[in-house]
């Protein structure tokens, strides 16, 4: 990982793409209930807020390990959200 700015961009791009995928699903499935898809969007926004707060935390002893953990958490939560999008019916 190069720097904090790149990590913030990654968080923004990954979760933004997930939200966009939900909107595309909603657009293509106008006849279906959107409660589950809206919950995915809410979860993506909450994940974004939590990860950015962790990135901005200045009271970290080992920054490299801290940012590596944030990056892996982004990957884990991103994949979980993508799975939820794939299960929408």
C-alpha atoms as a PDB file:
ATOM      1  CA  UNK A   1       0.000   0.000   0.000  1.00  0.00           C
ATOM      2  CA  UNK A   2       1.457   3.323  -1.056  1.00  0.00           C
ATOM      3  CA  UNK A   3      -0.153   5.802   1.305  1.00  0.00           C
ATOM      4  CA  UNK A   4      -3.219   6.897   3.250  1.00  0.00           C
ATOM      5  CA  UNK A   5      -4.660   8.829   0.300  1.00  0.00           C
ATOM      6  CA  UNK A   6      -4.631   5.682  -1.847  1.00  0.00           C
ATOM      7  CA  UNK A   7      -6.300   3.657   0.916  1.00  0.00           C
ATOM      8  CA  UNK A   8      -9.053   6.268   1.193  1.00  0.00           C
ATOM      9  CA  UNK A   9      -9.520   6.181  -2.584  1.00  0.00           C
ATOM     10  CA  UNK A  10      -9.735   2.385  -2.514  1.00  0.00           C
ATOM     11  CA  UNK A  11     -12.390   2.514   0.198  1.00  0.00           C
ATOM     12  CA  UNK A  12     -14.347   5.100  -1.771  1.00  0.00           C
ATOM     13  CA  UNK A  13     -14.099   3.238  -5.089  1.00  0.00           C
ATOM     14  CA  UNK A  14     -14.932  -0.219  -3.742  1.00  0.00           C
ATOM     15  CA  UNK A  15     -17.937   0.837  -1.697  1.00  0.00           C
ATOM     16  CA  UNK A  16     -19.065   3.311  -4.356  1.00  0.00           C
ATOM     17  CA  UNK A  17     -19.038   0.539  -6.955  1.00  0.00           C
ATOM     18  CA  UNK A  18     -21.054  -1.690  -4.625  1.00  0.00           C
ATOM     19  CA  UNK A  19     -23.676   1.028  -4.137  1.00  0.00           C
ATOM     20  CA  UNK A  20     -23.761   1.608  -7.887  1.00  0.00           C
ATOM     21  CA  UNK A  21     -24.306  -2.131  -8.458  1.00  0.00           C
ATOM     22  CA  UNK A  22     -27.286  -2.028  -6.095  1.00  0.00           C
ATOM     23  CA  UNK A  23     -28.752   0.929  -7.978  1.00  0.00           C
ATOM     24  CA  UNK A  24     -28.324  -0.943 -11.270  1.00  0.00           C
ATOM     25  CA  UNK A  25     -30.076  -3.961  -9.754  1.00  0.00           C
ATOM     26  CA  UNK A  26     -32.931  -1.744  -8.545  1.00  0.00           C
ATOM     27  CA  UNK A  27     -33.218  -0.132 -11.996  1.00  0.00           C
ATOM     28  CA  UNK A  28     -33.376  -3.525 -13.695  1.00  0.00           C
ATOM     29  CA  UNK A  29     -35.841  -4.951 -11.155  1.00  0.00           C
ATOM     30  CA  UNK A  30     -38.387  -2.182 -10.680  1.00  0.00           C
ATOM     31  CA  UNK A  31     -41.125  -4.721  -9.940  1.00  0.00           C
ATOM     32  CA  UNK A  32     -39.328  -6.123  -6.886  1.00  0.00           C
ATOM     33  CA  UNK A  33     -39.206  -4.900  -3.292  1.00  0.00           C
ATOM     34  CA  UNK A  34     -36.191  -2.712  -2.549  1.00  0.00           C
ATOM     35  CA  UNK A  35     -35.989  -3.161   1.232  1.00  0.00           C
ATOM     36  CA  UNK A  36     -33.125  -5.653   1.004  1.00  0.00           C
ATOM     37  CA  UNK A  37     -31.238  -3.599  -1.554  1.00  0.00           C
ATOM     38  CA  UNK A  38     -31.651  -0.432   0.511  1.00  0.00           C
ATOM     39  CA  UNK A  39     -30.282  -2.325   3.518  1.00  0.00           C
ATOM     40  CA  UNK A  40     -27.190  -3.219   1.460  1.00  0.00           C
ATOM     41  CA  UNK A  41     -26.702   0.457   0.597  1.00  0.00           C
ATOM     42  CA  UNK A  42     -27.071   1.419   4.262  1.00  0.00           C
ATOM     43  CA  UNK A  43     -24.541  -1.244   5.247  1.00  0.00           C
ATOM     44  CA  UNK A  44     -22.091  -0.020   2.587  1.00  0.00           C
ATOM     45  CA  UNK A  45     -22.391   3.556   3.872  1.00  0.00           C
ATOM     46  CA  UNK A  46     -21.888   2.424   7.467  1.00  0.00           C
ATOM     47  CA  UNK A  47     -18.843   0.390   6.401  1.00  0.00           C
ATOM     48  CA  UNK A  48     -17.450   3.423   4.588  1.00  0.00           C
ATOM     49  CA  UNK A  49     -17.886   5.615   7.657  1.00  0.00           C
ATOM     50  CA  UNK A  50     -16.286   3.038   9.950  1.00  0.00           C
ATOM     51  CA  UNK A  51     -13.288   2.413   7.700  1.00  0.00           C
ATOM     52  CA  UNK A  52     -12.610   6.116   7.100  1.00  0.00           C
ATOM     53  CA  UNK A  53     -12.788   6.705  10.866  1.00  0.00           C
ATOM     54  CA  UNK A  54     -10.207   3.946  11.345  1.00  0.00           C
ATOM     55  CA  UNK A  55      -7.943   5.451   8.669  1.00  0.00           C
ATOM     56  CA  UNK A  56      -8.150   8.867  10.326  1.00  0.00           C
ATOM     57  CA  UNK A  57      -7.322   7.483  13.786  1.00  0.00           C
ATOM     58  CA  UNK A  58      -4.056   9.139  14.838  1.00  0.00           C
ATOM     59  CA  UNK A  59      -3.545   7.083  18.029  1.00  0.00           C
ATOM     60  CA  UNK A  60      -2.117   4.033  16.301  1.00  0.00           C
ATOM     61  CA  UNK A  61       1.207   2.551  17.344  1.00  0.00           C
ATOM     62  CA  UNK A  62       2.038   0.422  14.296  1.00  0.00           C
ATOM     63  CA  UNK A  63       0.619   2.317  11.321  1.00  0.00           C
ATOM     64  CA  UNK A  64       1.698  -0.219   8.714  1.00  0.00           C
ATOM     65  CA  UNK A  65      -0.110  -3.091  10.449  1.00  0.00           C
ATOM     66  CA  UNK A  66      -3.114  -0.852  11.159  1.00  0.00           C
ATOM     67  CA  UNK A  67      -3.527   0.140   7.510  1.00  0.00           C
ATOM     68  CA  UNK A  68      -2.953  -3.426   6.353  1.00  0.00           C
ATOM     69  CA  UNK A  69      -5.757  -4.557   8.685  1.00  0.00           C
ATOM     70  CA  UNK A  70      -8.059  -1.850   7.310  1.00  0.00           C
ATOM     71  CA  UNK A  71      -7.278  -2.974   3.771  1.00  0.00           C
ATOM     72  CA  UNK A  72      -8.101  -6.597   4.571  1.00  0.00           C
ATOM     73  CA  UNK A  73     -11.290  -5.520   6.374  1.00  0.00           C
ATOM     74  CA  UNK A  74     -12.315  -3.571   3.265  1.00  0.00           C
ATOM     75  CA  UNK A  75     -11.779  -6.676   1.160  1.00  0.00           C
ATOM     76  CA  UNK A  76     -13.722  -8.906   3.553  1.00  0.00           C
ATOM     77  CA  UNK A  77     -16.680  -6.551   3.955  1.00  0.00           C
ATOM     78  CA  UNK A  78     -16.703  -5.704   0.258  1.00  0.00           C
ATOM     79  CA  UNK A  79     -16.918  -9.364  -0.702  1.00  0.00           C
ATOM     80  CA  UNK A  80     -19.706  -9.903   1.836  1.00  0.00           C
ATOM     81  CA  UNK A  81     -21.693  -7.011   0.360  1.00  0.00           C
ATOM     82  CA  UNK A  82     -21.160  -8.346  -3.172  1.00  0.00           C
ATOM     83  CA  UNK A  83     -22.480 -11.735  -2.040  1.00  0.00           C
ATOM     84  CA  UNK A  84     -25.596 -10.025  -0.683  1.00  0.00           C
ATOM     85  CA  UNK A  85     -26.107  -8.259  -4.020  1.00  0.00           C
ATOM     86  CA  UNK A  86     -25.769 -11.580  -5.844  1.00  0.00           C
ATOM     87  CA  UNK A  87     -28.431 -13.126  -3.593  1.00  0.00           C
ATOM     88  CA  UNK A  88     -31.030 -10.443  -4.325  1.00  0.00           C
ATOM     89  CA  UNK A  89     -34.033 -11.884  -6.142  1.00  0.00           C
END
